């Protein structure tokens, strides 16, 4: 599998800058998702995802809050102030789904997989 690997570490923030994140491990996969849940969460036709190993992701500033459906098995995390959806933690998954548009430099992002599901 080929993924355009970014120069690490990468940092990013929510729209207002209250929550900052850091990535220190290359994503294991990148994707675009068109499911109805991602459409609703992003207010768009799709969402972008970089699946970053858990050990390569950290919040370095601020306190993200759970948003979305408040499902304990899928914690959609974002900023309490500007409500930016920043990343998702899925129970038992070895990775964090990071929204690459939250990164200071997302020019490296190229989707490997695109779902066409419209659940």
N, C-alpha and C. Protein backbone atom coordinates (compact mmCIF):
# COMPACT_ATOMS: atom_id res chain seq x y z
N UNK A 1 0.85 -1.17 0.00
CA UNK A 1 0.00 0.00 0.00
C UNK A 1 0.89 1.23 0.00
N UNK A 2 0.62 2.18 -0.88
CA UNK A 2 1.37 3.42 -0.95
C UNK A 2 0.59 4.55 -0.29
N UNK A 3 1.25 5.23 0.60
CA UNK A 3 0.69 6.43 1.21
C UNK A 3 1.74 7.51 1.11
N UNK A 4 1.33 8.69 0.75
CA UNK A 4 2.22 9.84 0.71
C UNK A 4 2.60 10.18 2.15
N UNK A 5 3.81 9.83 2.57
CA UNK A 5 4.22 9.99 3.96
C UNK A 5 4.68 11.43 4.20
N UNK A 6 4.09 12.07 5.20
CA UNK A 6 4.46 13.45 5.51
C UNK A 6 5.77 13.52 6.29
N UNK A 7 6.41 14.67 6.25
CA UNK A 7 7.58 14.91 7.09
C UNK A 7 7.08 15.11 8.52
N UNK A 8 7.60 14.31 9.44
CA UNK A 8 7.14 14.33 10.83
C UNK A 8 8.14 15.06 11.72
N UNK A 9 7.70 15.60 12.84
CA UNK A 9 6.31 15.60 13.33
C UNK A 9 5.47 16.65 12.62
N UNK A 10 4.16 16.45 12.71
CA UNK A 10 3.18 17.40 12.21
C UNK A 10 2.38 17.93 13.39
N UNK A 11 2.03 19.20 13.34
CA UNK A 11 1.16 19.77 14.36
C UNK A 11 -0.02 20.42 13.68
N UNK A 12 -1.06 20.62 14.46
CA UNK A 12 -2.25 21.26 13.94
C UNK A 12 -3.10 21.79 15.07
N UNK A 13 -4.20 22.40 14.69
CA UNK A 13 -5.08 23.01 15.69
C UNK A 13 -6.49 23.11 15.17
N UNK A 14 -7.39 23.35 16.11
CA UNK A 14 -8.78 23.64 15.73
C UNK A 14 -8.82 25.03 15.09
N UNK A 15 -9.97 25.42 14.64
CA UNK A 15 -10.09 26.70 13.95
C UNK A 15 -9.69 27.90 14.82
N UNK A 16 -10.03 27.86 16.10
CA UNK A 16 -9.72 29.00 16.97
C UNK A 16 -8.36 28.89 17.65
N UNK A 17 -7.72 27.70 17.57
CA UNK A 17 -6.40 27.51 18.16
C UNK A 17 -6.40 27.07 19.62
N UNK A 18 -7.55 26.84 20.21
CA UNK A 18 -7.61 26.45 21.62
C UNK A 18 -7.12 25.02 21.87
N UNK A 19 -7.25 24.14 20.87
CA UNK A 19 -6.80 22.75 20.99
C UNK A 19 -5.74 22.51 19.91
N UNK A 20 -4.58 22.00 20.34
CA UNK A 20 -3.49 21.69 19.41
C UNK A 20 -3.15 20.21 19.50
N UNK A 21 -2.78 19.64 18.35
CA UNK A 21 -2.43 18.22 18.27
C UNK A 21 -1.06 18.06 17.63
N UNK A 22 -0.45 16.88 17.86
CA UNK A 22 0.84 16.54 17.25
C UNK A 22 0.79 15.09 16.76
N UNK A 23 1.35 14.88 15.57
CA UNK A 23 1.48 13.54 14.99
C UNK A 23 2.97 13.24 14.84
N UNK A 24 3.39 12.10 15.41
CA UNK A 24 4.79 11.72 15.33
C UNK A 24 5.01 10.38 14.63
N UNK A 25 3.93 9.78 14.12
CA UNK A 25 4.02 8.52 13.38
C UNK A 25 3.24 8.68 12.08
N UNK A 26 3.76 8.08 11.03
CA UNK A 26 3.10 8.17 9.72
C UNK A 26 1.74 7.48 9.76
N UNK A 27 0.76 8.03 9.06
CA UNK A 27 -0.55 7.37 8.98
C UNK A 27 -0.42 5.99 8.35
N UNK A 28 -1.23 5.05 8.84
CA UNK A 28 -1.25 3.71 8.25
C UNK A 28 -2.15 3.68 7.02
N UNK A 29 -3.08 4.63 6.93
CA UNK A 29 -3.93 4.74 5.77
C UNK A 29 -4.59 6.12 5.77
N UNK A 30 -4.95 6.56 4.59
CA UNK A 30 -5.69 7.82 4.44
C UNK A 30 -6.94 7.52 3.63
N UNK A 31 -8.01 8.30 3.89
CA UNK A 31 -9.24 8.01 3.16
C UNK A 31 -10.16 9.23 3.09
N UNK A 32 -11.14 9.06 2.22
CA UNK A 32 -12.27 9.98 2.10
C UNK A 32 -13.51 9.13 2.37
N UNK A 33 -14.38 9.57 3.26
CA UNK A 33 -15.59 8.81 3.58
C UNK A 33 -16.83 9.61 3.21
N UNK A 34 -17.75 8.95 2.51
CA UNK A 34 -19.00 9.58 2.07
C UNK A 34 -20.21 9.06 2.84
N UNK A 35 -20.02 8.37 3.97
CA UNK A 35 -21.18 7.86 4.69
C UNK A 35 -22.00 9.02 5.25
N UNK A 36 -23.26 8.77 5.55
CA UNK A 36 -24.14 9.85 6.02
C UNK A 36 -23.67 10.42 7.35
N UNK A 37 -23.04 9.60 8.19
CA UNK A 37 -22.52 10.10 9.47
C UNK A 37 -21.41 11.12 9.25
N UNK A 38 -20.47 10.81 8.37
CA UNK A 38 -19.38 11.75 8.07
C UNK A 38 -19.92 13.00 7.37
N UNK A 39 -20.91 12.83 6.51
CA UNK A 39 -21.52 13.98 5.85
C UNK A 39 -22.13 14.92 6.89
N UNK A 40 -22.84 14.36 7.86
CA UNK A 40 -23.49 15.18 8.89
C UNK A 40 -22.45 15.85 9.79
N UNK A 41 -21.41 15.09 10.21
CA UNK A 41 -20.40 15.64 11.11
C UNK A 41 -19.60 16.76 10.44
N UNK A 42 -19.33 16.62 9.14
CA UNK A 42 -18.49 17.60 8.45
C UNK A 42 -19.30 18.68 7.74
N UNK A 43 -20.62 18.52 7.70
CA UNK A 43 -21.49 19.43 6.94
C UNK A 43 -21.01 19.54 5.49
N UNK A 44 -20.63 18.40 4.93
CA UNK A 44 -20.08 18.34 3.59
C UNK A 44 -20.48 17.02 2.95
N UNK A 45 -20.03 16.79 1.73
CA UNK A 45 -20.32 15.54 1.04
C UNK A 45 -19.42 14.40 1.51
N UNK A 46 -18.38 14.72 2.29
CA UNK A 46 -17.43 13.71 2.73
C UNK A 46 -16.60 14.25 3.89
N UNK A 47 -15.80 13.36 4.50
CA UNK A 47 -14.79 13.78 5.46
C UNK A 47 -13.47 13.14 5.06
N UNK A 48 -12.37 13.79 5.41
CA UNK A 48 -11.03 13.28 5.16
C UNK A 48 -10.49 12.67 6.44
N UNK A 49 -9.73 11.59 6.32
CA UNK A 49 -9.19 10.91 7.49
C UNK A 49 -7.76 10.45 7.23
N UNK A 50 -6.91 10.65 8.24
CA UNK A 50 -5.59 10.05 8.28
C UNK A 50 -5.58 9.16 9.52
N UNK A 51 -5.40 7.87 9.33
CA UNK A 51 -5.41 6.91 10.43
C UNK A 51 -4.01 6.83 11.02
N UNK A 52 -3.84 7.47 12.18
CA UNK A 52 -2.54 7.60 12.82
C UNK A 52 -2.44 6.61 13.98
N UNK A 53 -1.34 5.83 14.06
CA UNK A 53 -1.19 4.92 15.20
C UNK A 53 -1.37 5.66 16.53
N UNK A 54 -2.05 5.01 17.48
CA UNK A 54 -2.33 5.64 18.77
C UNK A 54 -1.08 6.26 19.40
N UNK A 55 0.04 5.52 19.35
CA UNK A 55 1.25 6.02 20.00
C UNK A 55 1.87 7.21 19.27
N UNK A 56 1.42 7.50 18.07
CA UNK A 56 1.96 8.62 17.29
C UNK A 56 1.07 9.84 17.28
N UNK A 57 0.09 9.88 18.20
CA UNK A 57 -0.85 11.01 18.24
C UNK A 57 -0.97 11.53 19.66
N UNK A 58 -0.98 12.84 19.81
CA UNK A 58 -1.21 13.43 21.14
C UNK A 58 -1.84 14.81 21.03
N UNK A 59 -2.60 15.14 22.04
CA UNK A 59 -3.12 16.50 22.20
C UNK A 59 -2.06 17.24 23.01
N UNK A 60 -1.56 18.34 22.48
CA UNK A 60 -0.47 19.05 23.16
C UNK A 60 -0.92 20.34 23.83
N UNK A 61 -2.14 20.75 23.54
CA UNK A 61 -2.66 21.96 24.18
C UNK A 61 -4.17 21.94 24.17
N UNK A 62 -4.78 22.37 25.25
CA UNK A 62 -6.23 22.43 25.35
C UNK A 62 -6.85 21.10 25.74
N UNK A 63 -8.15 21.12 25.87
CA UNK A 63 -8.92 19.94 26.27
C UNK A 63 -10.03 19.68 25.26
N UNK A 64 -9.85 18.71 24.36
CA UNK A 64 -10.92 18.41 23.43
C UNK A 64 -12.12 17.80 24.16
N UNK A 65 -13.28 17.95 23.57
CA UNK A 65 -14.52 17.42 24.15
C UNK A 65 -15.16 16.46 23.15
N UNK A 66 -15.99 15.55 23.67
CA UNK A 66 -16.72 14.61 22.82
C UNK A 66 -17.87 15.34 22.15
N UNK A 67 -18.00 15.13 20.86
CA UNK A 67 -19.10 15.72 20.09
C UNK A 67 -19.82 14.63 19.32
N UNK A 68 -20.54 15.00 18.31
CA UNK A 68 -21.24 14.01 17.49
C UNK A 68 -22.35 13.33 18.27
N UNK A 69 -22.43 12.02 18.12
CA UNK A 69 -23.51 11.23 18.72
C UNK A 69 -23.23 10.83 20.17
N UNK A 70 -22.07 11.16 20.71
CA UNK A 70 -21.68 10.80 22.08
C UNK A 70 -21.75 9.29 22.29
N UNK A 71 -21.37 8.54 21.27
CA UNK A 71 -21.31 7.08 21.32
C UNK A 71 -19.99 6.69 21.97
N UNK A 72 -20.02 5.96 23.10
CA UNK A 72 -18.77 5.62 23.78
C UNK A 72 -17.82 4.78 22.93
N UNK A 73 -18.32 4.07 21.91
CA UNK A 73 -17.44 3.26 21.07
C UNK A 73 -16.77 4.08 19.97
N UNK A 74 -17.28 5.28 19.69
CA UNK A 74 -16.70 6.18 18.70
C UNK A 74 -16.73 7.59 19.27
N UNK A 75 -15.61 8.04 19.79
CA UNK A 75 -15.57 9.37 20.38
C UNK A 75 -15.07 10.37 19.36
N UNK A 76 -15.99 11.18 18.85
CA UNK A 76 -15.66 12.25 17.91
C UNK A 76 -15.23 13.45 18.76
N UNK A 77 -13.97 13.82 18.66
CA UNK A 77 -13.40 14.84 19.54
C UNK A 77 -13.21 16.16 18.80
N UNK A 78 -13.47 17.23 19.53
CA UNK A 78 -13.32 18.55 18.93
C UNK A 78 -13.13 19.62 19.98
N UNK A 79 -13.14 20.85 19.52
CA UNK A 79 -12.94 22.01 20.38
C UNK A 79 -14.29 22.47 20.95
N UNK A 80 -14.32 22.70 22.25
CA UNK A 80 -15.55 23.16 22.90
C UNK A 80 -15.91 24.58 22.49
N UNK A 81 -14.92 25.37 22.09
CA UNK A 81 -15.18 26.77 21.75
C UNK A 81 -15.64 26.94 20.30
N UNK A 82 -14.85 26.47 19.34
CA UNK A 82 -15.20 26.68 17.92
C UNK A 82 -15.93 25.49 17.30
N UNK A 83 -16.02 24.39 18.05
CA UNK A 83 -16.74 23.18 17.63
C UNK A 83 -16.14 22.47 16.41
N UNK A 84 -14.86 22.70 16.13
CA UNK A 84 -14.19 21.99 15.04
C UNK A 84 -14.07 20.52 15.38
N UNK A 85 -14.45 19.64 14.45
CA UNK A 85 -14.29 18.19 14.60
C UNK A 85 -12.85 17.88 14.22
N UNK A 86 -12.04 17.40 15.16
CA UNK A 86 -10.61 17.25 14.94
C UNK A 86 -10.15 15.81 14.74
N UNK A 87 -10.67 14.89 15.54
CA UNK A 87 -10.25 13.49 15.45
C UNK A 87 -11.30 12.59 16.08
N UNK A 88 -11.18 11.30 15.76
CA UNK A 88 -12.11 10.31 16.30
C UNK A 88 -11.33 9.14 16.86
N UNK A 89 -11.70 8.74 18.07
CA UNK A 89 -11.12 7.53 18.70
C UNK A 89 -12.19 6.45 18.64
N UNK A 90 -11.83 5.30 18.05
CA UNK A 90 -12.75 4.18 17.94
C UNK A 90 -12.31 3.11 18.93
N UNK A 91 -13.24 2.68 19.77
CA UNK A 91 -12.93 1.69 20.81
C UNK A 91 -12.21 0.48 20.23
N UNK A 92 -11.05 0.15 20.78
CA UNK A 92 -10.30 -1.02 20.38
C UNK A 92 -9.43 -0.84 19.15
N UNK A 93 -9.55 0.27 18.45
CA UNK A 93 -8.76 0.49 17.23
C UNK A 93 -7.32 0.89 17.60
N UNK A 94 -6.34 0.42 16.83
CA UNK A 94 -4.94 0.77 17.11
C UNK A 94 -4.54 2.12 16.52
N UNK A 95 -5.52 2.89 16.07
CA UNK A 95 -5.24 4.18 15.45
C UNK A 95 -6.27 5.22 15.86
N UNK A 96 -5.94 6.48 15.59
CA UNK A 96 -6.85 7.62 15.78
C UNK A 96 -7.14 8.16 14.39
N UNK A 97 -8.40 8.43 14.08
CA UNK A 97 -8.76 9.05 12.81
C UNK A 97 -8.63 10.57 12.94
N UNK A 98 -7.62 11.12 12.33
CA UNK A 98 -7.34 12.55 12.42
C UNK A 98 -7.85 13.24 11.16
N UNK A 99 -8.53 14.38 11.34
CA UNK A 99 -8.95 15.19 10.19
C UNK A 99 -7.71 15.95 9.71
N UNK A 100 -7.15 15.61 8.56
CA UNK A 100 -5.90 16.24 8.11
C UNK A 100 -6.03 17.74 7.84
N UNK A 101 -7.23 18.20 7.62
CA UNK A 101 -7.42 19.64 7.40
C UNK A 101 -7.15 20.45 8.67
N UNK A 102 -7.06 19.79 9.81
CA UNK A 102 -6.73 20.46 11.08
C UNK A 102 -5.23 20.67 11.23
N UNK A 103 -4.43 20.04 10.37
CA UNK A 103 -2.98 20.15 10.47
C UNK A 103 -2.48 21.45 9.86
N UNK A 104 -1.40 21.97 10.41
CA UNK A 104 -0.83 23.22 9.90
C UNK A 104 -0.43 23.09 8.44
N UNK A 105 0.01 21.90 8.04
CA UNK A 105 0.39 21.65 6.65
C UNK A 105 -0.23 20.32 6.23
N UNK A 106 -1.25 20.38 5.42
CA UNK A 106 -1.93 19.16 4.96
C UNK A 106 -1.68 18.91 3.47
N UNK A 107 -0.69 19.59 2.91
CA UNK A 107 -0.42 19.42 1.47
C UNK A 107 0.01 18.00 1.12
N UNK A 108 0.52 17.25 2.07
CA UNK A 108 0.97 15.88 1.84
C UNK A 108 -0.20 14.91 1.65
N UNK A 109 -1.40 15.30 2.12
CA UNK A 109 -2.54 14.37 2.17
C UNK A 109 -3.01 13.99 0.78
N UNK A 110 -3.00 12.67 0.53
CA UNK A 110 -3.58 12.09 -0.68
C UNK A 110 -4.38 10.88 -0.21
N UNK A 111 -5.66 10.81 -0.52
CA UNK A 111 -6.44 9.65 -0.06
C UNK A 111 -6.02 8.37 -0.76
N UNK A 112 -5.87 7.31 0.03
CA UNK A 112 -5.58 5.98 -0.50
C UNK A 112 -6.88 5.25 -0.85
N UNK A 113 -7.90 5.49 -0.03
CA UNK A 113 -9.18 4.78 -0.16
C UNK A 113 -10.30 5.81 -0.16
N UNK A 114 -11.33 5.55 -0.97
CA UNK A 114 -12.51 6.40 -0.95
C UNK A 114 -13.73 5.52 -0.85
N UNK A 115 -14.53 5.73 0.21
CA UNK A 115 -15.76 4.96 0.35
C UNK A 115 -16.87 5.67 -0.41
N UNK A 116 -17.77 4.91 -0.92
CA UNK A 116 -18.91 5.49 -1.64
C UNK A 116 -20.22 5.17 -0.94
N UNK A 117 -20.14 4.63 0.27
CA UNK A 117 -21.32 4.26 1.03
C UNK A 117 -22.11 5.50 1.38
N UNK A 118 -23.38 5.45 1.21
CA UNK A 118 -24.27 6.56 1.56
C UNK A 118 -25.35 6.01 2.48
N UNK A 119 -24.92 5.50 3.63
CA UNK A 119 -25.83 4.87 4.59
C UNK A 119 -26.89 5.81 5.08
